[in-house]
Amino acid sequence: MQGVFDNYGARFKTKKALKENVLNAILEATSFFGNEYDGPVKEAPDGRYFVVGPDPYTKRSWYATITVVNGTPKVS
């Protein structure tokens, strides 16, 4: 599970907020193994990214999947 925040460094409080602003989202790699994308969603390679919010370390109250196809992200 990766963390996700907006361009200003604030965490998305709800999954709905992430859906509304997915193009301004930045993925945060949390793996010690270094096999996760770390950076802006709009620049992410095609694939599926599993995120948790609002904070992947202390408070997990929602989960989402960001799927990027042909450079277009969709949250489910």
N, C-alpha and C. Protein backbone atom coordinates (compact mmCIF):
# COMPACT_ATOMS: atom_id res chain seq x y z
N MET A 1 0.84 -1.18 0.00
CA MET A 1 0.00 0.00 0.00
C MET A 1 0.88 1.24 0.00
N GLN A 2 0.51 2.17 -0.84
CA GLN A 2 1.25 3.42 -0.93
C GLN A 2 0.45 4.54 -0.31
N GLY A 3 1.15 5.58 0.09
CA GLY A 3 0.50 6.78 0.56
C GLY A 3 0.23 7.70 -0.62
N VAL A 4 -0.65 8.66 -0.42
CA VAL A 4 -0.98 9.61 -1.48
C VAL A 4 -1.29 10.97 -0.85
N PHE A 5 -0.79 12.03 -1.48
CA PHE A 5 -1.06 13.38 -1.01
C PHE A 5 -1.18 14.31 -2.20
N ASP A 6 -1.59 15.57 -1.95
CA ASP A 6 -1.78 16.52 -3.05
C ASP A 6 -0.51 17.32 -3.30
N ASN A 7 -0.57 18.23 -4.27
CA ASN A 7 0.60 19.04 -4.66
C ASN A 7 1.16 19.88 -3.52
N TYR A 8 0.34 20.16 -2.52
CA TYR A 8 0.76 21.01 -1.41
C TYR A 8 1.25 20.20 -0.21
N GLY A 9 1.27 18.89 -0.33
CA GLY A 9 1.74 18.03 0.75
C GLY A 9 0.68 17.61 1.74
N ALA A 10 -0.57 17.99 1.50
CA ALA A 10 -1.67 17.61 2.40
C ALA A 10 -2.22 16.24 2.00
N ARG A 11 -2.55 15.44 2.98
CA ARG A 11 -3.14 14.13 2.73
C ARG A 11 -4.61 14.28 2.34
N PHE A 12 -5.08 13.40 1.47
CA PHE A 12 -6.50 13.37 1.13
C PHE A 12 -7.26 12.75 2.29
N LYS A 13 -8.23 13.45 2.82
CA LYS A 13 -8.97 12.95 3.99
C LYS A 13 -9.96 11.85 3.62
N THR A 14 -10.46 11.87 2.37
CA THR A 14 -11.43 10.86 1.94
C THR A 14 -11.08 10.35 0.55
N LYS A 15 -11.62 9.19 0.22
CA LYS A 15 -11.45 8.62 -1.11
C LYS A 15 -12.12 9.52 -2.15
N LYS A 16 -13.24 10.13 -1.78
CA LYS A 16 -13.94 11.04 -2.68
C LYS A 16 -13.04 12.23 -3.05
N ALA A 17 -12.33 12.76 -2.09
CA ALA A 17 -11.42 13.87 -2.36
C ALA A 17 -10.30 13.45 -3.32
N LEU A 18 -9.82 12.23 -3.17
CA LEU A 18 -8.81 11.71 -4.10
C LEU A 18 -9.38 11.60 -5.50
N LYS A 19 -10.60 11.07 -5.63
CA LYS A 19 -11.24 10.93 -6.94
C LYS A 19 -11.37 12.28 -7.64
N GLU A 20 -11.74 13.31 -6.88
CA GLU A 20 -11.94 14.63 -7.46
C GLU A 20 -10.64 15.30 -7.88
N ASN A 21 -9.52 14.91 -7.29
CA ASN A 21 -8.24 15.58 -7.55
C ASN A 21 -7.12 14.61 -7.91
N VAL A 22 -7.44 13.51 -8.57
CA VAL A 22 -6.44 12.49 -8.85
C VAL A 22 -5.30 13.02 -9.73
N LEU A 23 -5.57 13.98 -10.61
CA LEU A 23 -4.50 14.52 -11.46
C LEU A 23 -3.50 15.36 -10.67
N ASN A 24 -3.88 15.81 -9.48
CA ASN A 24 -2.97 16.56 -8.62
C ASN A 24 -2.37 15.70 -7.51
N ALA A 25 -2.58 14.40 -7.58
CA ALA A 25 -2.11 13.50 -6.54
C ALA A 25 -0.65 13.10 -6.78
N ILE A 26 0.04 12.84 -5.69
CA ILE A 26 1.42 12.37 -5.73
C ILE A 26 1.49 11.09 -4.90
N LEU A 27 2.01 10.03 -5.52
CA LEU A 27 2.14 8.75 -4.82
C LEU A 27 3.40 8.74 -3.98
N GLU A 28 3.30 8.11 -2.82
CA GLU A 28 4.42 8.00 -1.89
C GLU A 28 4.77 6.52 -1.71
N ALA A 29 5.97 6.15 -2.09
CA ALA A 29 6.41 4.77 -1.92
C ALA A 29 6.65 4.50 -0.43
N THR A 30 6.15 3.36 0.04
CA THR A 30 6.32 3.00 1.46
C THR A 30 7.07 1.69 1.63
N SER A 31 7.44 1.05 0.53
CA SER A 31 8.11 -0.25 0.59
C SER A 31 9.61 -0.09 0.86
N PHE A 32 10.14 -0.96 1.71
CA PHE A 32 11.57 -0.97 1.97
C PHE A 32 12.34 -1.58 0.79
N PHE A 33 11.63 -2.28 -0.08
CA PHE A 33 12.27 -2.99 -1.18
C PHE A 33 12.42 -2.13 -2.43
N GLY A 34 11.82 -0.94 -2.45
CA GLY A 34 12.01 0.01 -3.53
C GLY A 34 11.35 -0.34 -4.84
N ASN A 35 10.30 -1.13 -4.82
CA ASN A 35 9.66 -1.54 -6.07
C ASN A 35 8.33 -0.83 -6.32
N GLU A 36 8.16 0.36 -5.75
CA GLU A 36 6.93 1.13 -5.94
C GLU A 36 7.25 2.45 -6.63
N TYR A 37 6.32 2.91 -7.46
CA TYR A 37 6.47 4.20 -8.11
C TYR A 37 6.32 5.30 -7.07
N ASP A 38 7.15 6.31 -7.18
CA ASP A 38 7.14 7.43 -6.24
C ASP A 38 7.15 8.72 -7.05
N GLY A 39 5.99 9.41 -7.11
CA GLY A 39 5.93 10.65 -7.86
C GLY A 39 4.51 10.99 -8.26
N PRO A 40 4.37 12.01 -9.14
CA PRO A 40 3.03 12.47 -9.56
C PRO A 40 2.26 11.41 -10.33
N VAL A 41 0.96 11.31 -10.05
CA VAL A 41 0.10 10.34 -10.72
C VAL A 41 0.05 10.64 -12.22
N LYS A 42 0.02 11.92 -12.60
CA LYS A 42 -0.09 12.26 -14.02
C LYS A 42 1.13 11.85 -14.82
N GLU A 43 2.24 11.51 -14.16
CA GLU A 43 3.45 11.05 -14.83
C GLU A 43 3.70 9.55 -14.61
N ALA A 44 2.81 8.89 -13.91
CA ALA A 44 2.99 7.48 -13.56
C ALA A 44 2.87 6.59 -14.80
N PRO A 45 3.69 5.54 -14.87
CA PRO A 45 3.52 4.59 -15.97
C PRO A 45 2.20 3.82 -15.84
N ASP A 46 1.71 3.30 -16.95
CA ASP A 46 0.47 2.52 -16.92
C ASP A 46 0.59 1.39 -15.91
N GLY A 47 -0.48 1.17 -15.16
CA GLY A 47 -0.49 0.10 -14.16
C GLY A 47 -1.50 0.39 -13.06
N ARG A 48 -1.45 -0.45 -12.03
CA ARG A 48 -2.35 -0.32 -10.89
C ARG A 48 -1.55 0.03 -9.65
N TYR A 49 -2.06 1.00 -8.90
CA TYR A 49 -1.39 1.46 -7.69
C TYR A 49 -2.39 1.39 -6.55
N PHE A 50 -2.03 0.70 -5.51
CA PHE A 50 -2.91 0.51 -4.35
C PHE A 50 -2.51 1.52 -3.28
N VAL A 51 -3.46 2.37 -2.89
CA VAL A 51 -3.17 3.43 -1.94
C VAL A 51 -4.07 3.33 -0.72
N VAL A 52 -3.61 3.97 0.35
CA VAL A 52 -4.34 3.98 1.62
C VAL A 52 -4.32 5.40 2.16
N GLY A 53 -5.38 5.77 2.85
CA GLY A 53 -5.40 7.12 3.38
C GLY A 53 -6.16 7.19 4.69
N PRO A 54 -6.08 8.26 5.35
CA PRO A 54 -5.32 9.43 4.96
C PRO A 54 -3.82 9.30 5.16
N ASP A 55 -3.36 8.43 6.03
CA ASP A 55 -1.92 8.29 6.26
C ASP A 55 -1.56 6.81 6.27
N PRO A 56 -0.58 6.39 5.47
CA PRO A 56 -0.24 4.96 5.41
C PRO A 56 0.48 4.45 6.66
N TYR A 57 0.95 5.36 7.49
CA TYR A 57 1.73 4.96 8.66
C TYR A 57 0.93 4.94 9.96
N THR A 58 0.02 5.89 10.12
CA THR A 58 -0.66 6.00 11.42
C THR A 58 -2.17 5.78 11.38
N LYS A 59 -2.84 6.26 10.33
CA LYS A 59 -4.30 6.14 10.30
C LYS A 59 -4.76 5.68 8.93
N ARG A 60 -5.31 4.49 8.87
CA ARG A 60 -5.82 3.93 7.62
C ARG A 60 -7.33 3.81 7.73
N SER A 61 -8.06 4.72 7.07
CA SER A 61 -9.51 4.66 7.14
C SER A 61 -10.17 4.42 5.79
N TRP A 62 -9.40 4.52 4.69
CA TRP A 62 -9.94 4.20 3.37
C TRP A 62 -8.83 3.63 2.49
N TYR A 63 -9.26 2.85 1.50
CA TYR A 63 -8.35 2.22 0.55
C TYR A 63 -8.84 2.49 -0.86
N ALA A 64 -7.94 2.58 -1.82
CA ALA A 64 -8.33 2.84 -3.20
C ALA A 64 -7.31 2.22 -4.15
N THR A 65 -7.74 2.03 -5.39
CA THR A 65 -6.85 1.59 -6.46
C THR A 65 -6.85 2.67 -7.52
N ILE A 66 -5.66 3.13 -7.87
CA ILE A 66 -5.52 4.07 -8.98
C ILE A 66 -5.01 3.27 -10.17
N THR A 67 -5.80 3.25 -11.23
CA THR A 67 -5.44 2.53 -12.44
C THR A 67 -5.10 3.56 -13.51
N VAL A 68 -3.90 3.44 -14.08
CA VAL A 68 -3.48 4.35 -15.14
C VAL A 68 -3.44 3.57 -16.45
N VAL A 69 -4.21 4.04 -17.44
CA VAL A 69 -4.27 3.41 -18.76
C VAL A 69 -4.04 4.51 -19.79
N ASN A 70 -3.02 4.36 -20.61
CA ASN A 70 -2.68 5.36 -21.63
C ASN A 70 -2.52 6.75 -21.02
N GLY A 71 -1.94 6.82 -19.83
CA GLY A 71 -1.70 8.10 -19.18
C GLY A 71 -2.88 8.73 -18.48
N THR A 72 -4.03 8.04 -18.47
CA THR A 72 -5.24 8.56 -17.83
C THR A 72 -5.52 7.78 -16.54
N PRO A 73 -5.47 8.46 -15.38
CA PRO A 73 -5.73 7.77 -14.12
C PRO A 73 -7.22 7.71 -13.79
N LYS A 74 -7.60 6.61 -13.14
CA LYS A 74 -8.98 6.43 -12.66
C LYS A 74 -8.90 5.81 -11.27
N VAL A 75 -9.72 6.32 -10.35
CA VAL A 75 -9.74 5.83 -8.97
C VAL A 75 -10.95 4.93 -8.78
N SER A 76 -10.71 3.78 -8.16
CA SER A 76 -11.83 2.87 -7.82
C SER A 76 -11.63 2.33 -6.42
